[in-house]
């Protein structure tokens, strides 16, 4: 008796963390670190590395508990960022994408997560007793925290955004406006590296970071989580 083969479409779903939820947690923790600093210091913020060392020293000496709490929140935010990058790369592979952009995005996201975590740890050291009493040590740790959390974070984050956005543009995985927004954010992020030479361009750092929150949340919820597969089944006709 001849066996009949039938093909039918089946929806396969990617197994992994929710990208939208990860991006919301990441954004929420980072913004909470800024809000708590402003509230507990009555409107002050983490000092710029371009202020005098004495002003920065006074801030860290007076607000050690605030700096320690902010460091905790920012360190926590680095974790969902790294998971977002790993999950996004896995999702793109699941959707059939086999190009270098997937691994560029993965590298960028993991590097951004590590630099963000390093920046938070430098802040934590600044909050330890006795550290702010030394101007030179405070200055070095302050610059390290800014460098790792500024350019160190922003440039690789731009690679994450660019990798996902370029793939999404060509494969129509995201709305075109979101892909274009990602490309603009990625361009600003890469240009922010010039602030290492021209300090006046440091404004590019927040110009890439904060719109990046919007892009992450939107991309996290809009990137497809399932694909349609053709499956073949064998059917033996009835002898009745």
C-alpha atoms as a PDB file:
ATOM      1  CA  UNK A   1       0.000   0.000   0.000  1.00  0.00           C
ATOM      2  CA  UNK A   2       1.419   3.382  -0.993  1.00  0.00           C
ATOM      3  CA  UNK A   3       2.154   5.879   1.778  1.00  0.00           C
ATOM      4  CA  UNK A   4       1.018   9.445   1.075  1.00  0.00           C
ATOM      5  CA  UNK A   5       3.230  12.329   2.217  1.00  0.00           C
ATOM      6  CA  UNK A   6       1.529  15.558   3.187  1.00  0.00           C
ATOM      7  CA  UNK A   7       3.167  18.921   3.884  1.00  0.00           C
ATOM      8  CA  UNK A   8       1.669  21.551   6.159  1.00  0.00           C
ATOM      9  CA  UNK A   9       2.810  24.812   7.733  1.00  0.00           C
ATOM     10  CA  UNK A  10       3.635  24.858  11.425  1.00  0.00           C
ATOM     11  CA  UNK A  11       4.523  27.923  13.481  1.00  0.00           C
ATOM     12  CA  UNK A  12       7.763  27.449  15.454  1.00  0.00           C
ATOM     13  CA  UNK A  13       8.430  29.776  18.408  1.00  0.00           C
ATOM     14  CA  UNK A  14      11.844  30.894  19.607  1.00  0.00           C
ATOM     15  CA  UNK A  15      12.610  29.804  23.138  1.00  0.00           C
ATOM     16  CA  UNK A  16      14.319  32.415  25.231  1.00  0.00           C
ATOM     17  CA  UNK A  17      13.808  35.469  27.454  1.00  0.00           C
ATOM     18  CA  UNK A  18      11.409  38.187  26.353  1.00  0.00           C
ATOM     19  CA  UNK A  19      13.491  40.883  24.637  1.00  0.00           C
ATOM     20  CA  UNK A  20      10.978  43.598  25.440  1.00  0.00           C
ATOM     21  CA  UNK A  21      10.963  42.764  29.147  1.00  0.00           C
ATOM     22  CA  UNK A  22      14.784  42.690  29.230  1.00  0.00           C
ATOM     23  CA  UNK A  23      15.004  46.124  27.624  1.00  0.00           C
ATOM     24  CA  UNK A  24      12.438  47.557  30.064  1.00  0.00           C
ATOM     25  CA  UNK A  25      14.332  46.163  33.068  1.00  0.00           C
ATOM     26  CA  UNK A  26      17.629  47.495  31.730  1.00  0.00           C
ATOM     27  CA  UNK A  27      16.196  50.949  31.053  1.00  0.00           C
ATOM     28  CA  UNK A  28      14.343  51.062  34.360  1.00  0.00           C
ATOM     29  CA  UNK A  29      17.403  50.191  36.450  1.00  0.00           C
ATOM     30  CA  UNK A  30      19.629  52.720  34.719  1.00  0.00           C
ATOM     31  CA  UNK A  31      17.091  55.551  34.911  1.00  0.00           C
ATOM     32  CA  UNK A  32      16.407  54.653  38.534  1.00  0.00           C
ATOM     33  CA  UNK A  33      20.101  55.181  39.307  1.00  0.00           C
ATOM     34  CA  UNK A  34      19.879  58.710  37.885  1.00  0.00           C
ATOM     35  CA  UNK A  35      16.583  59.513  39.596  1.00  0.00           C
ATOM     36  CA  UNK A  36      17.727  58.283  43.009  1.00  0.00           C
ATOM     37  CA  UNK A  37      20.940  60.308  42.733  1.00  0.00           C
ATOM     38  CA  UNK A  38      18.953  63.456  41.916  1.00  0.00           C
ATOM     39  CA  UNK A  39      16.451  62.861  44.730  1.00  0.00           C
ATOM     40  CA  UNK A  40      18.946  61.975  47.446  1.00  0.00           C
ATOM     41  CA  UNK A  41      21.297  64.858  46.576  1.00  0.00           C
ATOM     42  CA  UNK A  42      18.485  67.410  46.097  1.00  0.00           C
ATOM     43  CA  UNK A  43      19.016  67.905  42.390  1.00  0.00           C
ATOM     44  CA  UNK A  44      22.700  67.167  41.993  1.00  0.00           C
ATOM     45  CA  UNK A  45      24.051  64.612  39.540  1.00  0.00           C
ATOM     46  CA  UNK A  46      27.140  62.497  39.028  1.00  0.00           C
ATOM     47  CA  UNK A  47      29.912  65.080  38.404  1.00  0.00           C
ATOM     48  CA  UNK A  48      31.382  65.563  34.974  1.00  0.00           C
ATOM     49  CA  UNK A  49      35.052  64.606  34.588  1.00  0.00           C
ATOM     50  CA  UNK A  50      35.625  68.097  33.217  1.00  0.00           C
ATOM     51  CA  UNK A  51      34.926  69.845  36.526  1.00  0.00           C
ATOM     52  CA  UNK A  52      37.779  70.575  38.916  1.00  0.00           C
ATOM     53  CA  UNK A  53      39.084  67.577  40.890  1.00  0.00           C
ATOM     54  CA  UNK A  54      38.185  69.358  44.137  1.00  0.00           C
ATOM     55  CA  UNK A  55      34.506  69.691  43.142  1.00  0.00           C
ATOM     56  CA  UNK A  56      34.316  66.004  42.225  1.00  0.00           C
ATOM     57  CA  UNK A  57      36.096  65.027  45.437  1.00  0.00           C
ATOM     58  CA  UNK A  58      33.593  67.003  47.506  1.00  0.00           C
ATOM     59  CA  UNK A  59      30.662  65.279  45.784  1.00  0.00           C
ATOM     60  CA  UNK A  60      32.002  61.767  46.380  1.00  0.00           C
ATOM     61  CA  UNK A  61      32.986  62.530  49.972  1.00  0.00           C
ATOM     62  CA  UNK A  62      29.542  63.951  50.783  1.00  0.00           C
ATOM     63  CA  UNK A  63      27.399  61.461  48.868  1.00  0.00           C
ATOM     64  CA  UNK A  64      29.116  58.111  49.369  1.00  0.00           C
ATOM     65  CA  UNK A  65      25.863  56.257  50.105  1.00  0.00           C
ATOM     66  CA  UNK A  66      24.210  57.718  47.011  1.00  0.00           C
ATOM     67  CA  UNK A  67      27.133  56.763  44.796  1.00  0.00           C
ATOM     68  CA  UNK A  68      27.146  53.230  46.238  1.00  0.00           C
ATOM     69  CA  UNK A  69      23.416  52.764  45.559  1.00  0.00           C
ATOM     70  CA  UNK A  70      23.738  54.209  42.063  1.00  0.00           C
ATOM     71  CA  UNK A  71      26.621  51.831  41.360  1.00  0.00           C
ATOM     72  CA  UNK A  72      24.502  48.889  42.519  1.00  0.00           C
ATOM     73  CA  UNK A  73      21.652  49.804  40.160  1.00  0.00           C
ATOM     74  CA  UNK A  74      23.917  50.413  37.195  1.00  0.00           C
ATOM     75  CA  UNK A  75      25.753  47.157  37.780  1.00  0.00           C
ATOM     76  CA  UNK A  76      22.392  45.414  37.865  1.00  0.00           C
ATOM     77  CA  UNK A  77      21.386  47.110  34.605  1.00  0.00           C
ATOM     78  CA  UNK A  78      24.451  45.690  32.849  1.00  0.00           C
ATOM     79  CA  UNK A  79      23.146  42.132  33.323  1.00  0.00           C
ATOM     80  CA  UNK A  80      19.886  42.382  31.312  1.00  0.00           C
ATOM     81  CA  UNK A  81      21.801  44.319  28.638  1.00  0.00           C
ATOM     82  CA  UNK A  82      24.151  41.369  28.115  1.00  0.00           C
ATOM     83  CA  UNK A  83      21.231  38.915  28.145  1.00  0.00           C
ATOM     84  CA  UNK A  84      19.420  41.107  25.600  1.00  0.00           C
ATOM     85  CA  UNK A  85      22.399  40.927  23.234  1.00  0.00           C
ATOM     86  CA  UNK A  86      22.726  37.142  23.560  1.00  0.00           C
ATOM     87  CA  UNK A  87      18.985  36.598  23.128  1.00  0.00           C
ATOM     88  CA  UNK A  88      18.739  38.961  20.141  1.00  0.00           C
ATOM     89  CA  UNK A  89      21.569  37.120  18.379  1.00  0.00           C
ATOM     90  CA  UNK A  90      19.909  33.782  19.116  1.00  0.00           C
ATOM     91  CA  UNK A  91      16.559  35.130  17.856  1.00  0.00           C
ATOM     92  CA  UNK A  92      18.081  36.316  14.572  1.00  0.00           C
ATOM     93  CA  UNK A  93      19.746  32.942  14.045  1.00  0.00           C
ATOM     94  CA  UNK A  94      16.429  31.247  14.754  1.00  0.00           C
ATOM     95  CA  UNK A  95      14.780  33.432  12.114  1.00  0.00           C
ATOM     96  CA  UNK A  96      17.247  32.137   9.545  1.00  0.00           C
ATOM     97  CA  UNK A  97      19.766  34.987   9.551  1.00  0.00           C
ATOM     98  CA  UNK A  98      23.282  33.721   8.893  1.00  0.00           C
ATOM     99  CA  UNK A  99      25.384  36.830   8.329  1.00  0.00           C
ATOM    100  CA  UNK A 100      28.248  38.544  10.138  1.00  0.00           C
ATOM    101  CA  UNK A 101      25.916  41.238  11.451  1.00  0.00           C
ATOM    102  CA  UNK A 102      24.514  38.807  14.015  1.00  0.00           C
ATOM    103  CA  UNK A 103      27.915  38.304  15.610  1.00  0.00           C
ATOM    104  CA  UNK A 104      28.780  42.007  15.329  1.00  0.00           C
ATOM    105  CA  UNK A 105      25.633  42.788  17.304  1.00  0.00           C
ATOM    106  CA  UNK A 106      26.488  40.076  19.843  1.00  0.00           C
ATOM    107  CA  UNK A 107      30.034  41.404  20.289  1.00  0.00           C
ATOM    108  CA  UNK A 108      28.785  44.962  20.678  1.00  0.00           C
ATOM    109  CA  UNK A 109      26.131  44.059  23.228  1.00  0.00           C
ATOM    110  CA  UNK A 110      28.420  41.920  25.375  1.00  0.00           C
ATOM    111  CA  UNK A 111      31.194  44.547  25.266  1.00  0.00           C
ATOM    112  CA  UNK A 112      28.741  47.325  26.198  1.00  0.00           C
ATOM    113  CA  UNK A 113      27.481  45.225  29.115  1.00  0.00           C
ATOM    114  CA  UNK A 114      30.999  44.586  30.403  1.00  0.00           C
ATOM    115  CA  UNK A 115      32.049  48.231  30.129  1.00  0.00           C
ATOM    116  CA  UNK A 116      28.855  49.336  31.892  1.00  0.00           C
ATOM    117  CA  UNK A 117      29.539  46.859  34.694  1.00  0.00           C
ATOM    118  CA  UNK A 118      33.140  48.083  34.976  1.00  0.00           C
ATOM    119  CA  UNK A 119      31.960  51.687  35.215  1.00  0.00           C
ATOM    120  CA  UNK A 120      29.575  50.750  38.043  1.00  0.00           C
ATOM    121  CA  UNK A 121      32.347  48.955  39.923  1.00  0.00           C
ATOM    122  CA  UNK A 122      34.638  51.981  39.646  1.00  0.00           C
ATOM    123  CA  UNK A 123      31.794  54.052  41.133  1.00  0.00           C
ATOM    124  CA  UNK A 124      31.481  51.537  43.962  1.00  0.00           C
ATOM    125  CA  UNK A 125      35.192  51.911  44.749  1.00  0.00           C
ATOM    126  CA  UNK A 126      34.771  55.700  44.812  1.00  0.00           C
ATOM    127  CA  UNK A 127      32.142  55.288  47.528  1.00  0.00           C
ATOM    128  CA  UNK A 128      34.387  53.340  49.902  1.00  0.00           C
ATOM    129  CA  UNK A 129      35.598  54.994  53.115  1.00  0.00           C
ATOM    130  CA  UNK A 130      38.874  56.861  52.771  1.00  0.00           C
ATOM    131  CA  UNK A 131      38.980  56.899  48.959  1.00  0.00           C
ATOM    132  CA  UNK A 132      37.535  60.420  48.420  1.00  0.00           C
ATOM    133  CA  UNK A 133      40.040  61.849  50.886  1.00  0.00           C
ATOM    134  CA  UNK A 134      42.766  61.419  48.264  1.00  0.00           C
ATOM    135  CA  UNK A 135      42.356  63.840  45.374  1.00  0.00           C
ATOM    136  CA  UNK A 136      44.634  61.957  42.973  1.00  0.00           C
ATOM    137  CA  UNK A 137      43.002  58.553  43.547  1.00  0.00           C
ATOM    138  CA  UNK A 138      39.521  60.067  43.308  1.00  0.00           C
ATOM    139  CA  UNK A 139      40.457  61.754  40.040  1.00  0.00           C
ATOM    140  CA  UNK A 140      41.761  58.509  38.497  1.00  0.00           C
ATOM    141  CA  UNK A 141      38.724  56.458  39.533  1.00  0.00           C
ATOM    142  CA  UNK A 142      36.376  59.216  38.384  1.00  0.00           C
ATOM    143  CA  UNK A 143      37.962  59.291  34.928  1.00  0.00           C
ATOM    144  CA  UNK A 144      37.914  55.483  34.682  1.00  0.00           C
ATOM    145  CA  UNK A 145      34.239  55.389  35.601  1.00  0.00           C
ATOM    146  CA  UNK A 146      33.417  58.030  33.000  1.00  0.00           C
ATOM    147  CA  UNK A 147      35.561  56.469  30.264  1.00  0.00           C
ATOM    148  CA  UNK A 148      34.150  52.953  30.677  1.00  0.00           C
ATOM    149  CA  UNK A 149      30.563  54.116  31.117  1.00  0.00           C
ATOM    150  CA  UNK A 150      30.861  56.782  28.425  1.00  0.00           C
ATOM    151  CA  UNK A 151      32.776  55.962  25.255  1.00  0.00           C
ATOM    152  CA  UNK A 152      33.544  52.450  26.476  1.00  0.00           C
ATOM    153  CA  UNK A 153      29.842  51.668  26.661  1.00  0.00           C
ATOM    154  CA  UNK A 154      28.435  53.818  23.867  1.00  0.00           C
ATOM    155  CA  UNK A 155      30.632  52.722  20.956  1.00  0.00           C
ATOM    156  CA  UNK A 156      30.008  48.959  21.332  1.00  0.00           C
ATOM    157  CA  UNK A 157      26.345  49.655  22.084  1.00  0.00           C
ATOM    158  CA  UNK A 158      26.225  51.314  18.667  1.00  0.00           C
ATOM    159  CA  UNK A 159      27.498  48.067  17.141  1.00  0.00           C
ATOM    160  CA  UNK A 160      24.641  46.168  18.801  1.00  0.00           C
ATOM    161  CA  UNK A 161      22.077  48.620  17.445  1.00  0.00           C
ATOM    162  CA  UNK A 162      23.677  48.748  13.986  1.00  0.00           C
ATOM    163  CA  UNK A 163      23.951  44.963  13.678  1.00  0.00           C
ATOM    164  CA  UNK A 164      20.285  44.372  14.486  1.00  0.00           C
ATOM    165  CA  UNK A 165      19.020  47.384  12.502  1.00  0.00           C
ATOM    166  CA  UNK A 166      20.860  46.563   9.274  1.00  0.00           C
ATOM    167  CA  UNK A 167      19.625  42.973   9.360  1.00  0.00           C
ATOM    168  CA  UNK A 168      16.099  44.109  10.210  1.00  0.00           C
ATOM    169  CA  UNK A 169      16.166  46.583   7.316  1.00  0.00           C
ATOM    170  CA  UNK A 170      17.167  44.066   4.658  1.00  0.00           C
ATOM    171  CA  UNK A 171      14.990  41.235   5.941  1.00  0.00           C
ATOM    172  CA  UNK A 172      12.059  43.465   6.946  1.00  0.00           C
ATOM    173  CA  UNK A 173      12.005  42.105  10.479  1.00  0.00           C
ATOM    174  CA  UNK A 174      11.256  45.518  12.003  1.00  0.00           C
ATOM    175  CA  UNK A 175       9.306  48.575  10.814  1.00  0.00           C
ATOM    176  CA  UNK A 176      11.410  50.728   8.533  1.00  0.00           C
ATOM    177  CA  UNK A 177      11.202  53.740  10.870  1.00  0.00           C
ATOM    178  CA  UNK A 178      12.661  51.706  13.711  1.00  0.00           C
ATOM    179  CA  UNK A 179      15.474  50.342  11.540  1.00  0.00           C
ATOM    180  CA  UNK A 180      16.331  53.890  10.411  1.00  0.00           C
ATOM    181  CA  UNK A 181      16.207  55.152  13.994  1.00  0.00           C
ATOM    182  CA  UNK A 182      18.646  52.400  14.931  1.00  0.00           C
ATOM    183  CA  UNK A 183      21.028  53.390  12.158  1.00  0.00           C
ATOM    184  CA  UNK A 184      20.962  57.040  13.273  1.00  0.00           C
ATOM    185  CA  UNK A 185      21.592  56.062  16.897  1.00  0.00           C
ATOM    186  CA  UNK A 186      24.431  53.755  15.843  1.00  0.00           C
ATOM    187  CA  UNK A 187      26.035  56.539  13.796  1.00  0.00           C
ATOM    188  CA  UNK A 188      25.893  58.964  16.722  1.00  0.00           C
ATOM    189  CA  UNK A 189      27.296  56.267  19.019  1.00  0.00           C
ATOM    190  CA  UNK A 190      30.295  55.649  16.786  1.00  0.00           C
ATOM    191  CA  UNK A 191      30.934  59.369  16.328  1.00  0.00           C
ATOM    192  CA  UNK A 192      30.978  59.755  20.126  1.00  0.00           C
ATOM    193  CA  UNK A 193      34.426  58.135  20.080  1.00  0.00           C
ATOM    194  CA  UNK A 194      35.724  61.497  18.833  1.00  0.00           C
ATOM    195  CA  UNK A 195      35.058  62.890  22.314  1.00  0.00           C
ATOM    196  CA  UNK A 196      38.296  61.196  23.356  1.00  0.00           C
ATOM    197  CA  UNK A 197      40.073  63.796  21.233  1.00  0.00           C
ATOM    198  CA  UNK A 198      37.552  66.663  21.192  1.00  0.00           C
ATOM    199  CA  UNK A 199      35.965  66.870  24.640  1.00  0.00           C
ATOM    200  CA  UNK A 200      33.242  69.221  23.399  1.00  0.00           C
ATOM    201  CA  UNK A 201      31.703  66.272  21.550  1.00  0.00           C
ATOM    202  CA  UNK A 202      30.910  64.522  24.837  1.00  0.00           C
ATOM    203  CA  UNK A 203      27.265  65.541  24.327  1.00  0.00           C
ATOM    204  CA  UNK A 204      27.093  62.749  21.727  1.00  0.00           C
ATOM    205  CA  UNK A 205      27.266  60.192  24.546  1.00  0.00           C
ATOM    206  CA  UNK A 206      23.807  60.911  26.034  1.00  0.00           C
ATOM    207  CA  UNK A 207      22.521  61.661  22.520  1.00  0.00           C
ATOM    208  CA  UNK A 208      23.131  57.995  21.693  1.00  0.00           C
ATOM    209  CA  UNK A 209      22.340  56.452  25.091  1.00  0.00           C
ATOM    210  CA  UNK A 210      18.855  57.811  25.792  1.00  0.00           C
ATOM    211  CA  UNK A 211      17.325  57.330  22.315  1.00  0.00           C
ATOM    212  CA  UNK A 212      18.939  53.892  22.502  1.00  0.00           C
ATOM    213  CA  UNK A 213      16.576  53.031  25.352  1.00  0.00           C
ATOM    214  CA  UNK A 214      13.597  53.748  23.089  1.00  0.00           C
ATOM    215  CA  UNK A 215      15.061  51.678  20.267  1.00  0.00           C
ATOM    216  CA  UNK A 216      15.779  48.722  22.552  1.00  0.00           C
ATOM    217  CA  UNK A 217      12.271  48.615  23.983  1.00  0.00           C
ATOM    218  CA  UNK A 218      10.609  48.955  20.574  1.00  0.00           C
ATOM    219  CA  UNK A 219      12.892  46.405  18.914  1.00  0.00           C
ATOM    220  CA  UNK A 220      12.496  44.031  21.840  1.00  0.00           C
ATOM    221  CA  UNK A 221       8.740  43.893  21.449  1.00  0.00           C
ATOM    222  CA  UNK A 222       8.550  44.089  17.642  1.00  0.00           C
ATOM    223  CA  UNK A 223      11.283  41.642  16.582  1.00  0.00           C
ATOM    224  CA  UNK A 224       9.459  38.466  15.421  1.00  0.00           C
ATOM    225  CA  UNK A 225       9.563  35.587  17.858  1.00  0.00           C
ATOM    226  CA  UNK A 226       8.178  32.861  15.607  1.00  0.00           C
ATOM    227  CA  UNK A 227       8.667  31.505  12.101  1.00  0.00           C
ATOM    228  CA  UNK A 228       6.630  29.289   9.805  1.00  0.00           C
ATOM    229  CA  UNK A 229       8.073  25.867   9.008  1.00  0.00           C
ATOM    230  CA  UNK A 230       6.972  23.329   6.425  1.00  0.00           C
ATOM    231  CA  UNK A 231       6.641  19.912   8.000  1.00  0.00           C
ATOM    232  CA  UNK A 232       6.093  16.643   6.161  1.00  0.00           C
ATOM    233  CA  UNK A 233       3.922  13.864   7.553  1.00  0.00           C
ATOM    234  CA  UNK A 234       3.287  10.392   6.245  1.00  0.00           C
ATOM    235  CA  UNK A 235      -0.264   9.101   5.965  1.00  0.00           C
ATOM    236  CA  UNK A 236      -1.233   5.488   5.239  1.00  0.00           C
ATOM    237  CA  UNK A 237      -4.577   5.378   3.405  1.00  0.00           C
ATOM    238  CA  UNK A 238      -7.306   3.323   5.054  1.00  0.00           C
ATOM    239  CA  UNK A 239      -8.062  -0.135   3.576  1.00  0.00           C
ATOM    240  CA  UNK A 240     -11.767   0.286   4.288  1.00  0.00           C
END
